[in-house]
Each structure stands twice: as C-alpha cells, then as structure tokens.
Amino acid sequence: MWVAAGVAIGVLELLAPGYVFLGFALGAVATGALVALGWVWSFPVALAAFGALSLAAWAAMRRLLGRRAGQVKVITRDINDN
C-alpha cells in the first residue's frame, strides 16, 4: 500500500511545478520498504516513519537542488538608504 501511494504521489509530482510532492513520494516508498522488511509493525509507527522519512527526503532534496529559479529573493537593503 505504501509503495502504491508513493507511486501515485510521484505521478502527482509530474503534474505540479517544482519539487512539491517528491519528498512525500520518496517517504512513502521508503516506508513501504520498511514495512516489507518487517521493521515497522503498526500503523501509527508507519505514519511516524512516513513523516520522518518525508521530511528527511525533502531536506536532502532542498540541499542538493538549492533554491529554485522562481523563488522570491529577500531584499534587506533599500537603494535609497545612505
């Protein structure tokens, strides 16, 4: 079930701009692998693993891919300041 959800979220990622759902897809597939190996034994533990793995995948992708081209740049200095 987790791997199928990961594939479905991955397909949803193809329809969305940017890397919005890819962390969730990777987290779901990794959770499916943990369930298949028998390391996750209950649904609440699987949900916690999914959340932690999704967050880790998102953080890793953010570090590897950097800031997106369309992301807003924060300006801290005004051109009229002396």
C-alpha atoms as a PDB file:
ATOM      1  CA  MET A   1       0.000   0.000   0.000  1.00  0.00           C
ATOM      2  CA  TRP A   2       2.810   2.450   0.862  1.00  0.00           C
ATOM      3  CA  VAL A   3       4.687   1.862  -2.379  1.00  0.00           C
ATOM      4  CA  ALA A   4       1.489   2.294  -4.417  1.00  0.00           C
ATOM      5  CA  ALA A   5       0.813   5.557  -2.583  1.00  0.00           C
ATOM      6  CA  GLY A   6       4.386   6.657  -3.308  1.00  0.00           C
ATOM      7  CA  VAL A   7       3.945   5.950  -7.000  1.00  0.00           C
ATOM      8  CA  ALA A   8       0.635   7.828  -7.047  1.00  0.00           C
ATOM      9  CA  ILE A   9       2.201  10.830  -5.312  1.00  0.00           C
ATOM     10  CA  GLY A  10       5.104  10.617  -7.775  1.00  0.00           C
ATOM     11  CA  VAL A  11       2.649  10.841 -10.661  1.00  0.00           C
ATOM     12  CA  LEU A  12       1.055  13.832  -8.948  1.00  0.00           C
ATOM     13  CA  GLU A  13       4.525  15.389  -8.805  1.00  0.00           C
ATOM     14  CA  LEU A  14       4.694  15.254 -12.587  1.00  0.00           C
ATOM     15  CA  LEU A  15       1.608  17.471 -12.763  1.00  0.00           C
ATOM     16  CA  ALA A  16       2.818  20.043 -10.215  1.00  0.00           C
ATOM     17  CA  PRO A  17       5.592  22.543 -10.877  1.00  0.00           C
ATOM     18  CA  GLY A  18       8.701  22.236  -8.737  1.00  0.00           C
ATOM     19  CA  TYR A  19       9.523  19.516  -6.254  1.00  0.00           C
ATOM     20  CA  VAL A  20       6.431  19.827  -4.098  1.00  0.00           C
ATOM     21  CA  PHE A  21       5.362  16.195  -3.693  1.00  0.00           C
ATOM     22  CA  LEU A  22       8.619  14.345  -4.386  1.00  0.00           C
ATOM     23  CA  GLY A  23       9.642  14.230  -0.714  1.00  0.00           C
ATOM     24  CA  PHE A  24       6.300  12.663   0.174  1.00  0.00           C
ATOM     25  CA  ALA A  25       6.665  10.136  -2.641  1.00  0.00           C
ATOM     26  CA  LEU A  26      10.148   9.136  -1.515  1.00  0.00           C
ATOM     27  CA  GLY A  27       8.979   8.927   2.093  1.00  0.00           C
ATOM     28  CA  ALA A  28       6.083   6.653   1.146  1.00  0.00           C
ATOM     29  CA  VAL A  29       8.297   4.320  -0.891  1.00  0.00           C
ATOM     30  CA  ALA A  30      10.874   4.176   1.920  1.00  0.00           C
ATOM     31  CA  THR A  31       8.093   3.451   4.440  1.00  0.00           C
ATOM     32  CA  GLY A  32       6.872   0.666   2.156  1.00  0.00           C
ATOM     33  CA  ALA A  33      10.370  -0.792   2.164  1.00  0.00           C
ATOM     34  CA  LEU A  34      10.489  -0.654   5.972  1.00  0.00           C
ATOM     35  CA  VAL A  35       7.099  -2.373   6.205  1.00  0.00           C
ATOM     36  CA  ALA A  36       8.223  -5.054   3.727  1.00  0.00           C
ATOM     37  CA  LEU A  37      11.340  -5.707   5.778  1.00  0.00           C
ATOM     38  CA  GLY A  38       9.245  -6.033   8.941  1.00  0.00           C
ATOM     39  CA  TRP A  39      10.854  -3.100  10.753  1.00  0.00           C
ATOM     40  CA  VAL A  40       7.543  -1.253  11.114  1.00  0.00           C
ATOM     41  CA  TRP A  41       4.863  -3.244  12.901  1.00  0.00           C
ATOM     42  CA  SER A  42       1.890  -0.907  13.426  1.00  0.00           C
ATOM     43  CA  PHE A  43       0.088   1.831  11.540  1.00  0.00           C
ATOM     44  CA  PRO A  44       0.950   4.683  13.967  1.00  0.00           C
ATOM     45  CA  VAL A  45       4.635   3.757  13.750  1.00  0.00           C
ATOM     46  CA  ALA A  46       4.340   3.633   9.962  1.00  0.00           C
ATOM     47  CA  LEU A  47       2.797   7.128   9.942  1.00  0.00           C
ATOM     48  CA  ALA A  48       5.598   8.441  12.130  1.00  0.00           C
ATOM     49  CA  ALA A  49       8.188   6.808   9.874  1.00  0.00           C
ATOM     50  CA  PHE A  50       6.466   8.286   6.818  1.00  0.00           C
ATOM     51  CA  GLY A  51       6.581  11.768   8.325  1.00  0.00           C
ATOM     52  CA  ALA A  52      10.220  11.494   9.359  1.00  0.00           C
ATOM     53  CA  LEU A  53      11.351   9.977   6.063  1.00  0.00           C
ATOM     54  CA  SER A  54       9.392  12.528   4.021  1.00  0.00           C
ATOM     55  CA  LEU A  55      10.939  15.389   5.969  1.00  0.00           C
ATOM     56  CA  ALA A  56      14.423  13.913   5.549  1.00  0.00           C
ATOM     57  CA  ALA A  57      13.878  13.423   1.813  1.00  0.00           C
ATOM     58  CA  TRP A  58      12.605  16.985   1.421  1.00  0.00           C
ATOM     59  CA  ALA A  59      15.573  18.405   3.353  1.00  0.00           C
ATOM     60  CA  ALA A  60      18.053  16.355   1.306  1.00  0.00           C
ATOM     61  CA  MET A  61      16.482  17.473  -1.966  1.00  0.00           C
ATOM     62  CA  ARG A  62      16.438  21.081  -0.805  1.00  0.00           C
ATOM     63  CA  ARG A  63      20.157  20.898  -0.023  1.00  0.00           C
ATOM     64  CA  LEU A  64      21.036  19.129  -3.288  1.00  0.00           C
ATOM     65  CA  LEU A  65      18.823  21.155  -5.610  1.00  0.00           C
ATOM     66  CA  GLY A  66      19.239  24.519  -3.895  1.00  0.00           C
ATOM     67  CA  ARG A  67      16.982  27.484  -4.386  1.00  0.00           C
ATOM     68  CA  ARG A  68      14.601  27.286  -7.316  1.00  0.00           C
ATOM     69  CA  ALA A  69      14.849  29.814 -10.122  1.00  0.00           C
ATOM     70  CA  GLY A  70      11.398  31.299  -9.461  1.00  0.00           C
ATOM     71  CA  GLN A  71      11.818  31.623  -5.717  1.00  0.00           C
ATOM     72  CA  VAL A  72      11.468  35.072  -4.216  1.00  0.00           C
ATOM     73  CA  LYS A  73      14.662  36.881  -3.261  1.00  0.00           C
ATOM     74  CA  VAL A  74      14.525  38.746   0.034  1.00  0.00           C
ATOM     75  CA  ILE A  75      15.940  42.274  -0.184  1.00  0.00           C
ATOM     76  CA  THR A  76      17.286  43.632   3.091  1.00  0.00           C
ATOM     77  CA  ARG A  77      18.730  46.945   1.888  1.00  0.00           C
ATOM     78  CA  ASP A  78      16.886  49.793   0.212  1.00  0.00           C
ATOM     79  CA  ILE A  79      18.514  51.680  -2.671  1.00  0.00           C
ATOM     80  CA  ASN A  80      17.523  54.952  -1.006  1.00  0.00           C
ATOM     81  CA  ASP A  81      19.433  54.188   2.212  1.00  0.00           C
ATOM     82  CA  ASN A  82      22.597  56.238   2.635  1.00  0.00           C
END
